[in-house]
Protein backbone atom coordinates (compact mmCIF):
# COMPACT_ATOMS: atom_id res chain seq x y z
CA MET A 1 188.01 18.27 46.73
CA GLU A 2 188.22 16.48 50.06
CA TRP A 3 191.50 15.25 51.57
CA HIS A 4 190.52 11.58 51.40
CA HIS A 5 190.26 11.82 47.60
CA TYR A 6 193.95 12.71 47.48
CA LEU A 7 194.73 9.80 49.78
CA SER A 8 192.76 7.53 47.46
CA TYR A 9 194.70 8.80 44.42
CA PHE A 10 197.99 8.29 46.28
CA PHE A 11 197.17 4.64 47.07
CA GLY A 12 195.68 4.18 43.61
CA GLY A 13 199.04 5.21 42.17
CA MET A 14 200.73 2.64 44.38
CA PHE A 15 198.45 -0.16 43.20
CA LEU A 16 198.73 0.84 39.54
CA ALA A 17 202.54 0.94 39.69
CA ASN A 18 202.63 -2.38 41.54
CA ALA A 19 200.55 -4.00 38.78
CA VAL A 20 203.27 -3.41 36.18
CA PRO A 21 206.02 -5.84 37.30
CA HIS A 22 203.52 -8.57 38.12
CA CYS A 23 201.68 -8.32 34.81
CA VAL A 24 204.91 -8.10 32.81
CA SER A 25 206.48 -11.06 34.63
CA GLY A 26 203.34 -13.11 34.23
CA LEU A 27 202.79 -12.23 30.58
CA THR A 28 206.39 -13.12 29.72
CA GLY A 29 206.13 -16.41 31.60
CA HIS A 30 208.59 -15.54 34.36
CA PRO A 31 208.17 -16.25 38.07
CA PHE A 32 208.31 -13.25 40.40
CA GLN A 33 207.79 -12.49 44.08
CA THR A 34 204.23 -12.07 45.37
CA PRO A 35 202.66 -12.00 48.83
CA PHE A 36 201.51 -15.59 48.20
CA ALA A 37 205.00 -17.08 47.87
CA THR A 38 206.97 -18.68 50.69
CA PRO A 39 208.45 -16.71 52.31
CA SER A 40 205.93 -13.99 51.54
CA GLY A 41 207.33 -11.29 49.27
CA GLU A 42 210.62 -13.12 48.84
CA GLY A 43 209.86 -16.50 47.30
CA LEU A 44 208.82 -16.82 43.68
CA SER A 45 205.25 -17.30 42.46
CA THR A 46 204.25 -18.73 39.12
CA SER A 47 203.57 -16.57 36.09
CA THR A 48 199.85 -17.34 36.42
CA VAL A 49 199.76 -16.11 40.02
CA ASN A 50 201.59 -12.96 38.91
CA VAL A 51 199.04 -12.24 36.18
CA LEU A 52 196.21 -12.66 38.68
CA TRP A 53 197.96 -10.50 41.31
CA GLY A 54 198.79 -7.85 38.71
CA PHE A 55 195.20 -7.78 37.48
CA PHE A 56 193.94 -7.47 41.06
CA ASN A 57 196.26 -4.48 41.53
CA LEU A 58 194.90 -2.91 38.32
CA VAL A 59 191.32 -3.30 39.51
CA VAL A 60 192.05 -1.82 42.95
CA GLY A 61 194.01 1.05 41.35
CA TYR A 62 191.13 1.73 38.98
CA VAL A 63 188.60 1.83 41.81
CA LEU A 64 190.76 4.14 43.93
CA VAL A 65 191.49 6.56 41.08
CA CYS A 66 188.40 6.47 38.87
CA ARG A 67 185.60 5.72 41.29
CA VAL A 68 186.55 7.98 44.22
CA GLY A 69 185.99 11.68 43.74
CA SER A 70 186.47 13.10 40.25
CA PHE A 71 190.05 12.42 39.19
CA ASP A 72 191.15 14.98 36.62
CA LEU A 73 194.31 14.47 34.52
CA HIS A 74 194.43 18.24 34.06
CA SER A 75 194.63 18.82 37.83
CA THR A 76 198.23 19.06 38.94
CA SER A 77 197.34 18.16 42.53
CA HIS A 78 195.45 15.02 41.47
CA VAL A 79 198.26 13.83 39.22
CA ALA A 80 200.87 14.73 41.87
CA ALA A 81 199.10 12.57 44.47
CA LEU A 82 198.91 9.63 42.05
CA GLY A 83 202.50 10.19 40.88
CA LEU A 84 203.87 10.39 44.42
CA GLY A 85 202.22 7.08 45.31
CA SER A 86 203.63 5.51 42.14
CA LEU A 87 207.11 6.89 42.76
CA LEU A 88 207.29 5.79 46.39
CA ILE A 89 206.16 2.21 45.76
CA SER A 90 208.49 2.03 42.75
CA LEU A 91 211.50 3.12 44.82
CA PHE A 92 210.57 0.72 47.61
CA THR A 93 210.15 -2.26 45.29
CA ALA A 94 213.35 -1.40 43.38
CA ARG A 95 215.31 -1.59 46.63
CA HIS A 96 213.43 -4.63 47.98
CA PHE A 97 213.52 -6.79 44.84
CA GLY A 98 216.97 -5.52 43.88
CA ARG A 99 218.30 -7.67 46.74
CA PHE A 100 217.14 -10.78 44.89
CA HIS A 101 217.91 -9.81 41.30
CA GLY A 102 221.18 -7.89 41.65
CA GLY A 103 219.61 -4.49 41.04
CA ASN A 104 221.17 -2.85 44.10
CA THR A 105 224.79 -3.25 43.06
CA PRO A 106 226.39 -1.03 40.43
CA GLU A 107 227.80 -2.86 37.43
CA GLN A 108 231.55 -3.34 37.40
CA SER A 109 233.32 -2.13 34.26
């Protein structure tokens, strides 16, 4: 396996994880931040834009994981590359979008 396959799986994991909040927001009819909003990544986009952006992320993730090299779910190194990409983008977006939705402050009891 060549190094660029692992890089592809890493970025594929990022795109696949990024598809989740956009698809869920869009499917439930809620606005959410996208790169197309004003300001980019901070303003809200419509649920339709989120479905389209989420689907685009799914397609790119599929291409990077399933069409580059021979991704094997039984290969720890393949899954680790994909998982690391997913984890890092998930932590980044949790912190970034937490600023807008109150997710960065612990609940007061």
